[in-house]
């Protein structure tokens, strides 16, 4: 009789422990699911941020090309100015020589 009570008590304790473990597992499953959702969100955020970074890099590249083109135009204009100044100096020397 005592053995039977002890076995029933042990069985009840085991059943209680099983229920506790099942509840604990359910809590862990929920935590895992939440972490999984956060991870997916961060992956999406990272993809969005990477797209933004790539777009900005492309914009920078285009602006660098535009700046290079503009600098080439400026360099050509400065060269023309220099040539015209030299021509003006030659003409002024010619005028000065003719006035003598």
PDB file of N, CA and C in Angstrom:
ATOM      1  N   UNK A   1       0.813  -1.176   0.000  1.00  0.00           N
ATOM      2  CA  UNK A   1       0.000   0.000   0.000  1.00  0.00           C
ATOM      3  C   UNK A   1       0.875   1.266   0.000  1.00  0.00           C
ATOM      4  N   UNK A   2       1.902   1.277   0.825  1.00  0.00           N
ATOM      5  CA  UNK A   2       2.816   2.419   0.889  1.00  0.00           C
ATOM      6  C   UNK A   2       3.552   2.562  -0.446  1.00  0.00           C
ATOM      7  N   UNK A   3       3.913   1.444  -0.996  1.00  0.00           N
ATOM      8  CA  UNK A   3       4.615   1.465  -2.283  1.00  0.00           C
ATOM      9  C   UNK A   3       3.724   2.073  -3.368  1.00  0.00           C
ATOM     10  N   UNK A   4       2.446   1.687  -3.327  1.00  0.00           N
ATOM     11  CA  UNK A   4       1.505   2.213  -4.305  1.00  0.00           C
ATOM     12  C   UNK A   4       1.349   3.718  -4.141  1.00  0.00           C
ATOM     13  N   UNK A   5       1.224   4.209  -2.904  1.00  0.00           N
ATOM     14  CA  UNK A   5       1.109   5.652  -2.652  1.00  0.00           C
ATOM     15  C   UNK A   5       2.369   6.377  -3.127  1.00  0.00           C
ATOM     16  N   UNK A   6       3.504   5.784  -2.852  1.00  0.00           N
ATOM     17  CA  UNK A   6       4.767   6.400  -3.284  1.00  0.00           C
ATOM     18  C   UNK A   6       4.844   6.469  -4.808  1.00  0.00           C
ATOM     19  N   UNK A   7       4.411   5.393  -5.462  1.00  0.00           N
ATOM     20  CA  UNK A   7       4.411   5.380  -6.925  1.00  0.00           C
ATOM     21  C   UNK A   7       3.422   6.403  -7.487  1.00  0.00           C
ATOM     22  N   UNK A   8       2.227   6.489  -6.873  1.00  0.00           N
ATOM     23  CA  UNK A   8       1.240   7.472  -7.318  1.00  0.00           C
ATOM     24  C   UNK A   8       1.759   8.888  -7.113  1.00  0.00           C
ATOM     25  N   UNK A   9       2.407   9.122  -5.979  1.00  0.00           N
ATOM     26  CA  UNK A   9       2.994  10.443  -5.686  1.00  0.00           C
ATOM     27  C   UNK A   9       4.080  10.763  -6.704  1.00  0.00           C
ATOM     28  N   UNK A  10       4.934   9.778  -6.981  1.00  0.00           N
ATOM     29  CA  UNK A  10       6.004   9.975  -7.959  1.00  0.00           C
ATOM     30  C   UNK A  10       5.411  10.254  -9.333  1.00  0.00           C
ATOM     31  N   UNK A  11       4.352   9.524  -9.698  1.00  0.00           N
ATOM     32  CA  UNK A  11       3.689   9.731 -10.979  1.00  0.00           C
ATOM     33  C   UNK A  11       3.076  11.127 -11.057  1.00  0.00           C
ATOM     34  N   UNK A  12       2.419  11.560  -9.993  1.00  0.00           N
ATOM     35  CA  UNK A  12       1.837  12.902  -9.932  1.00  0.00           C
ATOM     36  C   UNK A  12       2.934  13.958 -10.047  1.00  0.00           C
ATOM     37  N   UNK A  13       4.035  13.752  -9.342  1.00  0.00           N
ATOM     38  CA  UNK A  13       5.163  14.690  -9.421  1.00  0.00           C
ATOM     39  C   UNK A  13       5.714  14.758 -10.844  1.00  0.00           C
ATOM     40  N   UNK A  14       5.833  13.585 -11.475  1.00  0.00           N
ATOM     41  CA  UNK A  14       6.336  13.549 -12.853  1.00  0.00           C
ATOM     42  C   UNK A  14       5.378  14.254 -13.809  1.00  0.00           C
ATOM     43  N   UNK A  15       4.087  14.033 -13.635  1.00  0.00           N
ATOM     44  CA  UNK A  15       3.100  14.696 -14.483  1.00  0.00           C
ATOM     45  C   UNK A  15       3.157  16.208 -14.298  1.00  0.00           C
ATOM     46  N   UNK A  16       3.302  16.637 -13.046  1.00  0.00           N
ATOM     47  CA  UNK A  16       3.432  18.071 -12.762  1.00  0.00           C
ATOM     48  C   UNK A  16       4.689  18.628 -13.425  1.00  0.00           C
ATOM     49  N   UNK A  17       5.773  17.896 -13.316  1.00  0.00           N
ATOM     50  CA  UNK A  17       7.046  18.343 -13.901  1.00  0.00           C
ATOM     51  C   UNK A  17       6.941  18.401 -15.431  1.00  0.00           C
ATOM     52  N   UNK A  18       6.248  17.430 -16.015  1.00  0.00           N
ATOM     53  CA  UNK A  18       6.055  17.418 -17.464  1.00  0.00           C
ATOM     54  C   UNK A  18       5.271  18.653 -17.899  1.00  0.00           C
ATOM     55  N   UNK A  19       4.213  18.989 -17.162  1.00  0.00           N
ATOM     56  CA  UNK A  19       3.422  20.185 -17.484  1.00  0.00           C
ATOM     57  C   UNK A  19       4.275  21.447 -17.375  1.00  0.00           C
ATOM     58  N   UNK A  20       5.106  21.515 -16.326  1.00  0.00           N
ATOM     59  CA  UNK A  20       5.992  22.675 -16.154  1.00  0.00           C
ATOM     60  C   UNK A  20       6.957  22.786 -17.330  1.00  0.00           C
ATOM     61  N   UNK A  21       7.520  21.639 -17.727  1.00  0.00           N
ATOM     62  CA  UNK A  21       8.464  21.645 -18.851  1.00  0.00           C
ATOM     63  C   UNK A  21       7.769  22.030 -20.156  1.00  0.00           C
ATOM     64  N   UNK A  22       6.536  21.544 -20.343  1.00  0.00           N
ATOM     65  CA  UNK A  22       5.787  21.912 -21.547  1.00  0.00           C
ATOM     66  C   UNK A  22       5.521  23.414 -21.581  1.00  0.00           C
ATOM     67  N   UNK A  23       5.165  23.988 -20.426  1.00  0.00           N
ATOM     68  CA  UNK A  23       4.938  25.437 -20.356  1.00  0.00           C
ATOM     69  C   UNK A  23       6.236  26.189 -20.629  1.00  0.00           C
ATOM     70  N   UNK A  24       7.322  25.683 -20.060  1.00  0.00           N
ATOM     71  CA  UNK A  24       8.620  26.306 -20.276  1.00  0.00           C
ATOM     72  C   UNK A  24       8.999  26.243 -21.762  1.00  0.00           C
ATOM     73  N   UNK A  25       8.751  25.071 -22.366  1.00  0.00           N
ATOM     74  CA  UNK A  25       9.047  24.921 -23.796  1.00  0.00           C
ATOM     75  C   UNK A  25       8.213  25.877 -24.635  1.00  0.00           C
ATOM     76  N   UNK A  26       6.947  26.042 -24.257  1.00  0.00           N
ATOM     77  CA  UNK A  26       6.085  26.967 -24.992  1.00  0.00           C
ATOM     78  C   UNK A  26       6.620  28.391 -24.882  1.00  0.00           C
ATOM     79  N   UNK A  27       7.075  28.761 -23.684  1.00  0.00           N
ATOM     80  CA  UNK A  27       7.670  30.085 -23.498  1.00  0.00           C
ATOM     81  C   UNK A  27       8.915  30.251 -24.350  1.00  0.00           C
ATOM     82  N   UNK A  28       9.729  29.202 -24.390  1.00  0.00           N
ATOM     83  CA  UNK A  28      10.942  29.262 -25.211  1.00  0.00           C
ATOM     84  C   UNK A  28      10.601  29.336 -26.699  1.00  0.00           C
ATOM     85  N   UNK A  29       9.559  28.625 -27.119  1.00  0.00           N
ATOM     86  CA  UNK A  29       9.127  28.694 -28.519  1.00  0.00           C
ATOM     87  C   UNK A  29       8.693  30.116 -28.877  1.00  0.00           C
ATOM     88  N   UNK A  30       7.946  30.747 -27.976  1.00  0.00           N
ATOM     89  CA  UNK A  30       7.508  32.127 -28.225  1.00  0.00           C
ATOM     90  C   UNK A  30       8.706  33.073 -28.311  1.00  0.00           C
ATOM     91  N   UNK A  31       9.663  32.897 -27.400  1.00  0.00           N
ATOM     92  CA  UNK A  31      10.864  33.738 -27.430  1.00  0.00           C
ATOM     93  C   UNK A  31      11.618  33.531 -28.739  1.00  0.00           C
ATOM     94  N   UNK A  32      11.734  32.262 -29.140  1.00  0.00           N
ATOM     95  CA  UNK A  32      12.432  31.958 -30.387  1.00  0.00           C
ATOM     96  C   UNK A  32      11.710  32.591 -31.574  1.00  0.00           C
ATOM     97  N   UNK A  33      10.384  32.476 -31.585  1.00  0.00           N
ATOM     98  CA  UNK A  33       9.594  33.063 -32.672  1.00  0.00           C
ATOM     99  C   UNK A  33       9.783  34.578 -32.719  1.00  0.00           C
ATOM    100  N   UNK A  34       9.765  35.222 -31.551  1.00  0.00           N
ATOM    101  CA  UNK A  34       9.976  36.677 -31.492  1.00  0.00           C
ATOM    102  C   UNK A  34      11.364  37.050 -32.002  1.00  0.00           C
ATOM    103  N   UNK A  35      12.364  36.274 -31.580  1.00  0.00           N
ATOM    104  CA  UNK A  35      13.727  36.547 -32.041  1.00  0.00           C
ATOM    105  C   UNK A  35      13.843  36.337 -33.547  1.00  0.00           C
ATOM    106  N   UNK A  36      13.172  35.321 -34.044  1.00  0.00           N
ATOM    107  CA  UNK A  36      13.185  35.047 -35.475  1.00  0.00           C
ATOM    108  C   UNK A  36      12.561  36.210 -36.247  1.00  0.00           C
ATOM    109  N   UNK A  37      11.450  36.742 -35.739  1.00  0.00           N
ATOM    110  CA  UNK A  37      10.795  37.884 -36.385  1.00  0.00           C
ATOM    111  C   UNK A  37      11.690  39.123 -36.347  1.00  0.00           C
ATOM    112  N   UNK A  38      12.347  39.349 -35.203  1.00  0.00           N
ATOM    113  CA  UNK A  38      13.269  40.488 -35.103  1.00  0.00           C
ATOM    114  C   UNK A  38      14.416  40.333 -36.094  1.00  0.00           C
ATOM    115  N   UNK A  39      14.926  39.105 -36.211  1.00  0.00           N
ATOM    116  CA  UNK A  39      16.023  38.839 -37.135  1.00  0.00           C
ATOM    117  C   UNK A  39      15.597  39.130 -38.574  1.00  0.00           C
ATOM    118  N   UNK A  40      14.394  38.672 -38.946  1.00  0.00           N
ATOM    119  CA  UNK A  40      13.888  38.921 -40.295  1.00  0.00           C
ATOM    120  C   UNK A  40      13.730  40.416 -40.545  1.00  0.00           C
ATOM    121  N   UNK A  41      13.221  41.140 -39.550  1.00  0.00           N
ATOM    122  CA  UNK A  41      13.054  42.593 -39.686  1.00  0.00           C
ATOM    123  C   UNK A  41      14.411  43.267 -39.881  1.00  0.00           C
ATOM    124  N   UNK A  42      15.384  42.834 -39.087  1.00  0.00           N
ATOM    125  CA  UNK A  42      16.722  43.431 -39.232  1.00  0.00           C
ATOM    126  C   UNK A  42      17.325  43.110 -40.589  1.00  0.00           C
ATOM    127  N   UNK A  43      17.076  41.894 -41.080  1.00  0.00           N
ATOM    128  CA  UNK A  43      17.557  41.556 -42.422  1.00  0.00           C
ATOM    129  C   UNK A  43      16.932  42.483 -43.459  1.00  0.00           C
ATOM    130  N   UNK A  44      15.630  42.717 -43.333  1.00  0.00           N
ATOM    131  CA  UNK A  44      14.945  43.618 -44.265  1.00  0.00           C
ATOM    132  C   UNK A  44      15.497  45.033 -44.141  1.00  0.00           C
ATOM    133  N   UNK A  45      15.701  45.480 -42.896  1.00  0.00           N
ATOM    134  CA  UNK A  45      16.268  46.814 -42.678  1.00  0.00           C
ATOM    135  C   UNK A  45      17.654  46.908 -43.303  1.00  0.00           C
ATOM    136  N   UNK A  46      18.442  45.856 -43.123  1.00  0.00           N
ATOM    137  CA  UNK A  46      19.795  45.841 -43.677  1.00  0.00           C
ATOM    138  C   UNK A  46      19.751  45.905 -45.200  1.00  0.00           C
ATOM    139  N   UNK A  47      18.819  45.156 -45.800  1.00  0.00           N
ATOM    140  CA  UNK A  47      18.687  45.198 -47.261  1.00  0.00           C
ATOM    141  C   UNK A  47      18.304  46.595 -47.722  1.00  0.00           C
ATOM    142  N   UNK A  48      17.364  47.214 -47.018  1.00  0.00           N
ATOM    143  CA  UNK A  48      16.935  48.567 -47.369  1.00  0.00           C
ATOM    144  C   UNK A  48      18.098  49.546 -47.226  1.00  0.00           C
ATOM    145  N   UNK A  49      18.838  49.421 -46.122  1.00  0.00           N
ATOM    146  CA  UNK A  49      19.979  50.313 -45.908  1.00  0.00           C
ATOM    147  C   UNK A  49      21.038  50.096 -46.976  1.00  0.00           C
ATOM    148  N   UNK A  50      21.256  48.841 -47.365  1.00  0.00           N
ATOM    149  CA  UNK A  50      22.250  48.555 -48.398  1.00  0.00           C
ATOM    150  C   UNK A  50      21.824  49.144 -49.736  1.00  0.00           C
ATOM    151  N   UNK A  51      20.528  49.071 -50.038  1.00  0.00           N
ATOM    152  CA  UNK A  51      20.034  49.688 -51.272  1.00  0.00           C
ATOM    153  C   UNK A  51      20.269  51.191 -51.242  1.00  0.00           C
ATOM    154  N   UNK A  52      20.000  51.807 -50.087  1.00  0.00           N
ATOM    155  CA  UNK A  52      20.220  53.246 -49.940  1.00  0.00           C
ATOM    156  C   UNK A  52      21.696  53.576 -50.132  1.00  0.00           C
ATOM    157  N   UNK A  53      22.557  52.777 -49.508  1.00  0.00           N
ATOM    158  CA  UNK A  53      24.007  52.994 -49.645  1.00  0.00           C
ATOM    159  C   UNK A  53      24.425  52.867 -51.104  1.00  0.00           C
ATOM    160  N   UNK A  54      23.924  51.840 -51.782  1.00  0.00           N
ATOM    161  CA  UNK A  54      24.270  51.654 -53.193  1.00  0.00           C
ATOM    162  C   UNK A  54      23.780  52.822 -54.041  1.00  0.00           C
ATOM    163  N   UNK A  55      22.570  53.308 -53.752  1.00  0.00           N
ATOM    164  CA  UNK A  55      22.048  54.471 -54.481  1.00  0.00           C
ATOM    165  C   UNK A  55      22.917  55.698 -54.244  1.00  0.00           C
ATOM    166  N   UNK A  56      23.326  55.899 -52.996  1.00  0.00           N
ATOM    167  CA  UNK A  56      24.187  57.043 -52.680  1.00  0.00           C
ATOM    168  C   UNK A  56      25.538  56.917 -53.379  1.00  0.00           C
ATOM    169  N   UNK A  57      26.092  55.714 -53.410  1.00  0.00           N
ATOM    170  CA  UNK A  57      27.365  55.500 -54.107  1.00  0.00           C
ATOM    171  C   UNK A  57      27.220  55.826 -55.585  1.00  0.00           C
ATOM    172  N   UNK A  58      26.102  55.420 -56.163  1.00  0.00           N
ATOM    173  CA  UNK A  58      25.857  55.702 -57.579  1.00  0.00           C
ATOM    174  C   UNK A  58      25.734  57.209 -57.809  1.00  0.00           C
ATOM    175  N   UNK A  59      25.040  57.895 -56.897  1.00  0.00           N
ATOM    176  CA  UNK A  59      24.915  59.353 -57.011  1.00  0.00           C
ATOM    177  C   UNK A  59      26.286  60.016 -56.912  1.00  0.00           C
ATOM    178  N   UNK A  60      27.099  59.542 -55.982  1.00  0.00           N
ATOM    179  CA  UNK A  60      28.447  60.100 -55.816  1.00  0.00           C
ATOM    180  C   UNK A  60      29.252  59.897 -57.093  1.00  0.00           C
ATOM    181  N   UNK A  61      29.153  58.695 -57.655  1.00  0.00           N
ATOM    182  CA  UNK A  61      29.889  58.395 -58.883  1.00  0.00           C
ATOM    183  C   UNK A  61      29.457  59.329 -60.014  1.00  0.00           C
ATOM    184  N   UNK A  62      28.140  59.543 -60.156  1.00  0.00           N
ATOM    185  CA  UNK A  62      27.640  60.442 -61.199  1.00  0.00           C
ATOM    186  C   UNK A  62      28.133  61.865 -60.975  1.00  0.00           C
ATOM    187  N   UNK A  63      28.088  62.303 -59.721  1.00  0.00           N
ATOM    188  CA  UNK A  63      28.541  63.677 -59.432  1.00  0.00           C
ATOM    189  C   UNK A  63      30.031  63.827 -59.685  1.00  0.00           C
ATOM    190  N   UNK A  64      30.791  62.774 -59.369  1.00  0.00           N
ATOM    191  CA  UNK A  64      32.226  62.836 -59.649  1.00  0.00           C
ATOM    192  C   UNK A  64      32.466  62.956 -61.150  1.00  0.00           C
ATOM    193  N   UNK A  65      31.687  62.204 -61.944  1.00  0.00           N
ATOM    194  CA  UNK A  65      31.811  62.292 -63.400  1.00  0.00           C
ATOM    195  C   UNK A  65      31.422  63.685 -63.889  1.00  0.00           C
ATOM    196  N   UNK A  66      30.331  64.232 -63.332  1.00  0.00           N
ATOM    197  CA  UNK A  66      29.903  65.583 -63.713  1.00  0.00           C
ATOM    198  C   UNK A  66      30.972  66.606 -63.340  1.00  0.00           C
ATOM    199  N   UNK A  67      31.532  66.447 -62.154  1.00  0.00           N
ATOM    200  CA  UNK A  67      32.574  67.365 -61.698  1.00  0.00           C
ATOM    201  C   UNK A  67      33.794  67.277 -62.607  1.00  0.00           C
ATOM    202  N   UNK A  68      34.138  66.056 -62.999  1.00  0.00           N
ATOM    203  CA  UNK A  68      35.283  65.872 -63.896  1.00  0.00           C
ATOM    204  C   UNK A  68      35.020  66.555 -65.236  1.00  0.00           C
ATOM    205  N   UNK A  69      33.823  66.380 -65.756  1.00  0.00           N
ATOM    206  CA  UNK A  69      33.457  67.016 -67.024  1.00  0.00           C
ATOM    207  C   UNK A  69      33.504  68.536 -66.895  1.00  0.00           C
ATOM    208  N   UNK A  70      32.942  69.051 -65.808  1.00  0.00           N
ATOM    209  CA  UNK A  70      32.955  70.504 -65.584  1.00  0.00           C
ATOM    210  C   UNK A  70      34.383  71.018 -65.443  1.00  0.00           C
ATOM    211  N   UNK A  71      35.239  70.257 -64.760  1.00  0.00           N
ATOM    212  CA  UNK A  71      36.623  70.677 -64.594  1.00  0.00           C
ATOM    213  C   UNK A  71      37.335  70.703 -65.942  1.00  0.00           C
ATOM    214  N   UNK A  72      37.025  69.731 -66.794  1.00  0.00           N
ATOM    215  CA  UNK A  72      37.619  69.724 -68.136  1.00  0.00           C
ATOM    216  C   UNK A  72      37.194  70.968 -68.915  1.00  0.00           C
ATOM    217  N   UNK A  73      35.928  71.340 -68.795  1.00  0.00           N
ATOM    218  CA  UNK A  73      35.435  72.554 -69.467  1.00  0.00           C
ATOM    219  C   UNK A  73      36.155  73.783 -68.921  1.00  0.00           C
ATOM    220  N   UNK A  74      36.278  73.853 -67.600  1.00  0.00           N
ATOM    221  CA  UNK A  74      36.977  74.984 -66.967  1.00  0.00           C
ATOM    222  C   UNK A  74      38.416  75.051 -67.455  1.00  0.00           C
ATOM    223  N   UNK A  75      39.082  73.889 -67.504  1.00  0.00           N
ATOM    224  CA  UNK A  75      40.475  73.861 -67.965  1.00  0.00           C
ATOM    225  C   UNK A  75      40.591  74.366 -69.405  1.00  0.00           C
ATOM    226  N   UNK A  76      39.649  73.951 -70.273  1.00  0.00           N
ATOM    227  CA  UNK A  76      39.674  74.407 -71.667  1.00  0.00           C
ATOM    228  C   UNK A  76      39.442  75.909 -71.749  1.00  0.00           C
ATOM    229  N   UNK A  77      38.494  76.404 -70.952  1.00  0.00           N
ATOM    230  CA  UNK A  77      38.230  77.847 -70.957  1.00  0.00           C
ATOM    231  C   UNK A  77      39.438  78.630 -70.450  1.00  0.00           C
ATOM    232  N   UNK A  78      40.082  78.128 -69.416  1.00  0.00           N
ATOM    233  CA  UNK A  78      41.281  78.805 -68.902  1.00  0.00           C
ATOM    234  C   UNK A  78      42.385  78.812 -69.955  1.00  0.00           C
ATOM    235  N   UNK A  79      42.492  77.717 -70.696  1.00  0.00           N
ATOM    236  CA  UNK A  79      43.495  77.650 -71.760  1.00  0.00           C
ATOM    237  C   UNK A  79      43.182  78.672 -72.856  1.00  0.00           C
ATOM    238  N   UNK A  80      41.904  78.800 -73.213  1.00  0.00           N
ATOM    239  CA  UNK A  80      41.510  79.795 -74.217  1.00  0.00           C
ATOM    240  C   UNK A  80      41.801  81.208 -73.724  1.00  0.00           C
ATOM    241  N   UNK A  81      41.509  81.460 -72.438  1.00  0.00           N
ATOM    242  CA  UNK A  81      41.789  82.783 -71.862  1.00  0.00           C
ATOM    243  C   UNK A  81      43.279  83.073 -71.942  1.00  0.00           C
ATOM    244  N   UNK A  82      44.075  82.074 -71.602  1.00  0.00           N
ATOM    245  CA  UNK A  82      45.529  82.249 -71.638  1.00  0.00           C
ATOM    246  C   UNK A  82      45.994  82.540 -73.067  1.00  0.00           C
ATOM    247  N   UNK A  83      45.449  81.795 -74.033  1.00  0.00           N
ATOM    248  CA  UNK A  83      45.816  82.026 -75.434  1.00  0.00           C
ATOM    249  C   UNK A  83      45.420  83.434 -75.872  1.00  0.00           C
ATOM    250  N   UNK A  84      44.230  83.872 -75.492  1.00  0.00           N
ATOM    251  CA  UNK A  84      43.769  85.219 -75.881  1.00  0.00           C
ATOM    252  C   UNK A  84      44.608  86.304 -75.212  1.00  0.00           C
ATOM    253  N   UNK A  85      44.993  86.057 -73.952  1.00  0.00           N
ATOM    254  CA  UNK A  85      45.860  87.033 -73.278  1.00  0.00           C
ATOM    255  C   UNK A  85      47.196  87.129 -74.002  1.00  0.00           C
ATOM    256  N   UNK A  86      47.719  85.964 -74.426  1.00  0.00           N
ATOM    257  CA  UNK A  86      48.989  85.976 -75.162  1.00  0.00           C
ATOM    258  C   UNK A  86      48.827  86.710 -76.493  1.00  0.00           C
ATOM    259  N   UNK A  87      47.706  86.443 -77.179  1.00  0.00           N
ATOM    260  CA  UNK A  87      47.434  87.146 -78.441  1.00  0.00           C
ATOM    261  C   UNK A  87      47.312  88.650 -78.204  1.00  0.00           C
ATOM    262  N   UNK A  88      46.631  89.018 -77.118  1.00  0.00           N
ATOM    263  CA  UNK A  88      46.468  90.441 -76.801  1.00  0.00           C
ATOM    264  C   UNK A  88      47.822  91.070 -76.503  1.00  0.00           C
ATOM    265  N   UNK A  89      48.687  90.346 -75.815  1.00  0.00           N
ATOM    266  CA  UNK A  89      50.027  90.873 -75.523  1.00  0.00           C
ATOM    267  C   UNK A  89      50.818  91.070 -76.812  1.00  0.00           C
ATOM    268  N   UNK A  90      50.722  90.093 -77.719  1.00  0.00           N
ATOM    269  CA  UNK A  90      51.431  90.213 -78.999  1.00  0.00           C
ATOM    270  C   UNK A  90      50.888  91.409 -79.771  1.00  0.00           C
ATOM    271  N   UNK A  91      49.573  91.553 -79.806  1.00  0.00           N
ATOM    272  CA  UNK A  91      48.966  92.689 -80.517  1.00  0.00           C
ATOM    273  C   UNK A  91      49.380  94.012 -79.879  1.00  0.00           C
ATOM    274  N   UNK A  92      49.430  94.040 -78.560  1.00  0.00           N
ATOM    275  CA  UNK A  92      49.829  95.269 -77.870  1.00  0.00           C
ATOM    276  C   UNK A  92      51.281  95.601 -78.188  1.00  0.00           C
ATOM    277  N   UNK A  93      52.131  94.584 -78.238  1.00  0.00           N
ATOM    278  CA  UNK A  93      53.533  94.820 -78.601  1.00  0.00           C
ATOM    279  C   UNK A  93      53.634  95.357 -80.030  1.00  0.00           C
ATOM    280  N   UNK A  94      52.811  94.787 -80.908  1.00  0.00           N
ATOM    281  CA  UNK A  94      52.810  95.256 -82.301  1.00  0.00           C
ATOM    282  C   UNK A  94      52.369  96.716 -82.358  1.00  0.00           C
ATOM    283  N   UNK A  95      51.328  97.049 -81.629  1.00  0.00           N
ATOM    284  CA  UNK A  95      50.843  98.438 -81.583  1.00  0.00           C
ATOM    285  C   UNK A  95      51.923  99.347 -81.016  1.00  0.00           C
ATOM    286  N   UNK A  96      52.543  98.905 -79.941  1.00  0.00           N
ATOM    287  CA  UNK A  96      53.604  99.711 -79.328  1.00  0.00           C
ATOM    288  C   UNK A  96      54.757  99.921 -80.307  1.00  0.00           C
ATOM    289  N   UNK A  97      55.109  98.873 -81.043  1.00  0.00           N
ATOM    290  CA  UNK A  97      56.207  98.988 -82.012  1.00  0.00           C
ATOM    291  C   UNK A  97      55.833  99.923 -83.159  1.00  0.00           C
ATOM    292  N   UNK A  98      54.580  99.885 -83.571  1.00  0.00           N
ATOM    293  CA  UNK A  98      54.140 100.758 -84.659  1.00  0.00           C
ATOM    294  C   UNK A  98      54.096 102.216 -84.221  1.00  0.00           C
ATOM    295  N   UNK A  99      53.813 102.454 -82.946  1.00  0.00           N
ATOM    296  CA  UNK A  99      53.732 103.823 -82.435  1.00  0.00           C
ATOM    297  C   UNK A  99      55.108 104.452 -82.286  1.00  0.00           C
ATOM    298  N   UNK A 100      56.148 103.696 -82.266  1.00  0.00           N
ATOM    299  CA  UNK A 100      57.495 104.252 -82.092  1.00  0.00           C
ATOM    300  C   UNK A 100      57.999 104.958 -83.288  1.00  0.00           C
TER     301      UNK A 100
END
